[in-house]
Amino acid sequence: MRNSDATRAKLIAAAKEAFWNQGYSNTSLRAIARAASVDVALISRYFSGKLGLFEATLESAFEWPELLDKGQDPIEVAIRKFAHPDTESHAISTAQLILMNANDPQAGELVRKALRQALIDPLQARMGDPQASARLAMLVTVILGASMVRHSLHLPGMADVEPDVYERQLRHLINAAMSFDQEPRV
C-alpha cells in the first residue's frame, strides 16, 4: 500500500469514528487529523475538505449485498445483521451514522441519498407491491428505534438481553411493522 493510500485510509477510519459517533457538525477537522496522526492540511489535499471526507465515509456505509440478494429474505438478513453483528460496533455504527447525521443541515441530504440509493430504493423495487414504501418505512423505523433503545439509551429489557432474545424481539417488532396496512378497512 502506498503512503498516500495508507494516509487516506487512516483519515477515513478516524473520520468515520468521529462523524458517526459525534455527528458532522460536532466534529472538527483538527480532531480527525489528530486521531489519524496526520497533518490537517492532508484532508483538503485528499478530500477537498470536510464534506468530501464525510462523503468518503459513506462510500461503504450501506454496502450490504446480502440484503439485496434475491436468494435471501431481506428481513431475516436485517434481523441477523442487527442481532448478531459481524463486529461489536457494526450494528450501532450504521444506525448511529443515520441518527447522528441524517438531520444535519450540511450532511443530512448526503446520508439520506446514500441510504436511499444503496438500500431503500432497491428493497422497495424488490418488494414491488403498492404498500412497499409504507412497509419499508416501518421496517427502517423499527431497526433504528430498536438500535437506539439497545445501544444508545441502554434500556433494560432490550439492552441487557442476549443476542438470541434481541433477535426474537426484533423479529416480533418487524413482523408487526411489515403487517401494517395503510389502507383503511371499511
Protein backbone atom coordinates (compact mmCIF):
# COMPACT_ATOMS: atom_id res chain seq x y z
CA MET A 1 0.00 0.00 0.00
CA ARG A 2 1.33 3.40 -0.98
CA ASN A 3 1.87 6.00 1.70
CA SER A 4 -0.92 8.20 0.30
CA ASP A 5 -3.34 5.25 0.32
CA ALA A 6 -2.42 4.48 3.93
CA THR A 7 -2.93 8.13 4.91
CA ARG A 8 -6.33 8.24 3.15
CA ALA A 9 -7.37 5.04 4.94
CA LYS A 10 -6.30 6.42 8.33
CA LEU A 11 -8.23 9.64 7.71
CA ILE A 12 -11.37 7.77 6.63
CA ALA A 13 -11.21 5.49 9.67
CA ALA A 14 -10.74 8.43 12.06
CA ALA A 15 -13.47 10.44 10.30
CA LYS A 16 -15.91 7.53 10.40
CA GLU A 17 -15.36 7.15 14.13
CA ALA A 18 -15.81 10.88 14.76
CA PHE A 19 -18.60 11.72 12.30
CA TRP A 20 -20.65 8.62 13.03
CA ASN A 21 -20.43 8.96 16.81
CA GLN A 22 -20.42 12.73 17.30
CA GLY A 23 -22.13 13.98 14.15
CA TYR A 24 -20.85 16.00 11.23
CA SER A 25 -21.39 19.45 12.74
CA ASN A 26 -19.89 18.44 16.09
CA THR A 27 -16.65 17.17 14.57
CA SER A 28 -13.60 19.28 13.77
CA LEU A 29 -11.07 18.51 11.07
CA ARG A 30 -8.28 19.07 13.58
CA ALA A 31 -9.69 16.34 15.82
CA ILE A 32 -9.87 13.92 12.89
CA ALA A 33 -6.32 14.74 11.79
CA ARG A 34 -5.08 14.33 15.37
CA ALA A 35 -6.82 10.93 15.69
CA ALA A 36 -5.29 9.83 12.37
CA SER A 37 -1.88 11.24 13.36
CA VAL A 38 -1.60 13.30 10.17
CA ASP A 39 -1.40 16.97 9.25
CA VAL A 40 -4.82 18.60 8.95
CA ALA A 41 -3.86 20.03 5.53
CA LEU A 42 -3.94 16.49 4.10
CA ILE A 43 -7.72 16.42 4.49
CA SER A 44 -8.07 19.19 1.91
CA ARG A 45 -5.45 17.55 -0.28
CA TYR A 46 -7.15 14.14 -0.38
CA PHE A 47 -10.84 15.03 0.12
CA SER A 48 -11.25 18.74 -0.78
CA GLY A 49 -12.46 19.48 2.74
CA LYS A 50 -14.76 18.30 5.48
CA LEU A 51 -17.78 17.44 3.32
CA GLY A 52 -15.63 15.45 0.90
CA LEU A 53 -14.18 13.48 3.80
CA PHE A 54 -17.67 12.83 5.15
CA GLU A 55 -18.75 11.59 1.70
CA ALA A 56 -15.79 9.20 1.70
CA THR A 57 -17.06 7.66 4.95
CA LEU A 58 -20.40 6.98 3.26
CA GLU A 59 -18.91 5.01 0.35
CA SER A 60 -19.16 1.69 2.16
CA ALA A 61 -21.69 2.61 4.87
CA PHE A 62 -24.64 0.89 3.24
CA GLU A 63 -22.88 -1.86 1.30
CA TRP A 64 -24.95 -4.83 2.37
CA PRO A 65 -25.06 -7.05 -0.71
CA GLU A 66 -26.69 -9.88 1.24
CA LEU A 67 -29.67 -7.61 1.92
CA LEU A 68 -30.27 -7.27 -1.82
CA ASP A 69 -29.54 -10.94 -2.68
CA LYS A 70 -32.77 -12.30 -4.19
CA GLY A 71 -31.99 -15.68 -2.64
CA GLN A 72 -32.22 -14.29 0.88
CA ASP A 73 -35.13 -12.78 2.78
CA PRO A 74 -34.14 -9.14 3.41
CA ILE A 75 -35.99 -9.09 6.72
CA GLU A 76 -34.07 -12.11 8.01
CA VAL A 77 -30.80 -10.53 6.81
CA ALA A 78 -31.61 -7.30 8.68
CA ILE A 79 -32.51 -9.21 11.83
CA ARG A 80 -29.27 -11.24 11.71
CA LYS A 81 -27.18 -8.17 10.92
CA PHE A 82 -28.51 -6.20 13.89
CA ALA A 83 -28.93 -9.04 16.40
CA HIS A 84 -25.62 -10.76 15.59
CA PRO A 85 -23.31 -8.11 14.08
CA ASP A 86 -20.04 -9.14 12.45
CA THR A 87 -18.24 -6.81 14.81
CA GLU A 88 -19.26 -5.42 18.17
CA SER A 89 -19.73 -1.93 16.79
CA HIS A 90 -21.26 -2.72 13.38
CA ALA A 91 -24.95 -2.77 14.30
CA ILE A 92 -24.79 0.51 16.13
CA SER A 93 -22.35 2.22 13.77
CA THR A 94 -24.70 2.32 10.78
CA ALA A 95 -27.67 3.23 12.94
CA GLN A 96 -25.50 5.78 14.75
CA LEU A 97 -24.40 7.28 11.42
CA ILE A 98 -28.04 7.79 10.48
CA LEU A 99 -29.18 9.04 13.88
CA MET A 100 -26.30 11.49 14.28
CA ASN A 101 -26.20 12.86 10.74
CA ALA A 102 -29.44 12.42 8.79
CA ASN A 103 -30.84 15.69 10.12
CA ASP A 104 -27.61 17.66 9.86
CA PRO A 105 -28.08 20.81 7.74
CA GLN A 106 -24.90 20.15 5.74
CA ALA A 107 -24.51 16.37 5.70
CA GLY A 108 -28.08 15.16 6.14
CA GLU A 109 -29.06 15.05 2.49
CA LEU A 110 -25.90 13.05 1.68
CA VAL A 111 -26.85 10.44 4.29
CA ARG A 112 -30.46 10.22 3.13
CA LYS A 113 -29.41 9.99 -0.53
CA ALA A 114 -26.81 7.28 0.13
CA LEU A 115 -29.29 5.25 2.19
CA ARG A 116 -32.00 5.57 -0.48
CA GLN A 117 -29.69 4.65 -3.36
CA ALA A 118 -27.94 1.73 -1.68
CA LEU A 119 -30.79 0.13 0.26
CA ILE A 120 -34.22 1.73 0.26
CA ASP A 121 -34.86 2.03 -3.49
CA PRO A 122 -33.54 -1.46 -4.34
CA LEU A 123 -35.50 -3.06 -1.49
CA GLN A 124 -38.65 -1.20 -2.44
CA ALA A 125 -38.31 -2.35 -6.05
CA ARG A 126 -37.72 -5.89 -4.86
CA MET A 127 -40.83 -5.81 -2.66
CA GLY A 128 -42.77 -4.45 -5.63
CA ASP A 129 -46.20 -4.15 -4.04
CA PRO A 130 -48.26 -0.96 -3.72
CA GLN A 131 -47.61 -0.73 0.03
CA ALA A 132 -43.88 -1.41 -0.21
CA SER A 133 -42.99 2.17 0.59
CA ALA A 134 -45.05 2.25 3.82
CA ARG A 135 -43.88 -1.19 4.95
CA LEU A 136 -40.24 -0.36 4.24
CA ALA A 137 -40.55 2.88 6.21
CA MET A 138 -41.94 0.87 9.13
CA LEU A 139 -39.06 -1.64 8.83
CA VAL A 140 -36.42 1.10 8.95
CA THR A 141 -38.23 2.74 11.88
CA VAL A 142 -38.17 -0.50 13.87
CA ILE A 143 -34.48 -1.17 13.17
CA LEU A 144 -33.36 2.36 14.02
CA GLY A 145 -35.61 2.56 17.06
CA ALA A 146 -34.53 -0.81 18.42
CA SER A 147 -30.86 0.06 17.82
CA MET A 148 -31.27 3.33 19.70
CA VAL A 149 -33.06 1.65 22.61
CA ARG A 150 -30.44 -1.11 22.86
CA HIS A 151 -27.20 0.75 22.13
CA SER A 152 -27.80 4.41 22.96
CA LEU A 153 -30.49 4.51 25.64
CA HIS A 154 -29.43 1.15 27.16
CA LEU A 155 -33.00 0.47 28.28
CA PRO A 156 -33.38 -2.66 30.43
CA GLY A 157 -35.31 -5.41 28.72
CA MET A 158 -33.61 -4.79 25.41
CA ALA A 159 -30.09 -3.58 26.17
CA ASP A 160 -29.32 -6.31 28.68
CA VAL A 161 -30.64 -9.35 26.79
CA GLU A 162 -28.67 -11.99 24.92
CA PRO A 163 -28.45 -11.71 21.11
CA ASP A 164 -30.93 -14.57 20.64
CA VAL A 165 -33.55 -12.77 22.77
CA TYR A 166 -32.85 -9.49 20.95
CA GLU A 167 -33.29 -11.34 17.65
CA ARG A 168 -36.74 -12.54 18.78
CA GLN A 169 -37.63 -9.02 19.92
CA LEU A 170 -36.59 -7.60 16.54
CA ARG A 171 -38.48 -10.32 14.67
CA HIS A 172 -41.64 -9.56 16.65
CA LEU A 173 -41.38 -5.81 16.04
CA ILE A 174 -40.54 -6.24 12.37
CA ASN A 175 -43.37 -8.72 11.79
CA ALA A 176 -45.79 -6.21 13.31
CA ALA A 177 -44.36 -3.42 11.14
CA MET A 178 -44.48 -5.50 7.96
CA SER A 179 -48.13 -6.40 8.53
CA PHE A 180 -49.08 -2.73 8.55
CA ASP A 181 -51.91 -1.99 6.13
CA GLN A 182 -52.01 1.63 5.01
CA GLU A 183 -55.47 1.33 3.50
CA PRO A 184 -58.28 1.92 6.00
CA ARG A 185 -60.59 -1.05 6.45
CA VAL A 186 -64.23 -0.47 5.82
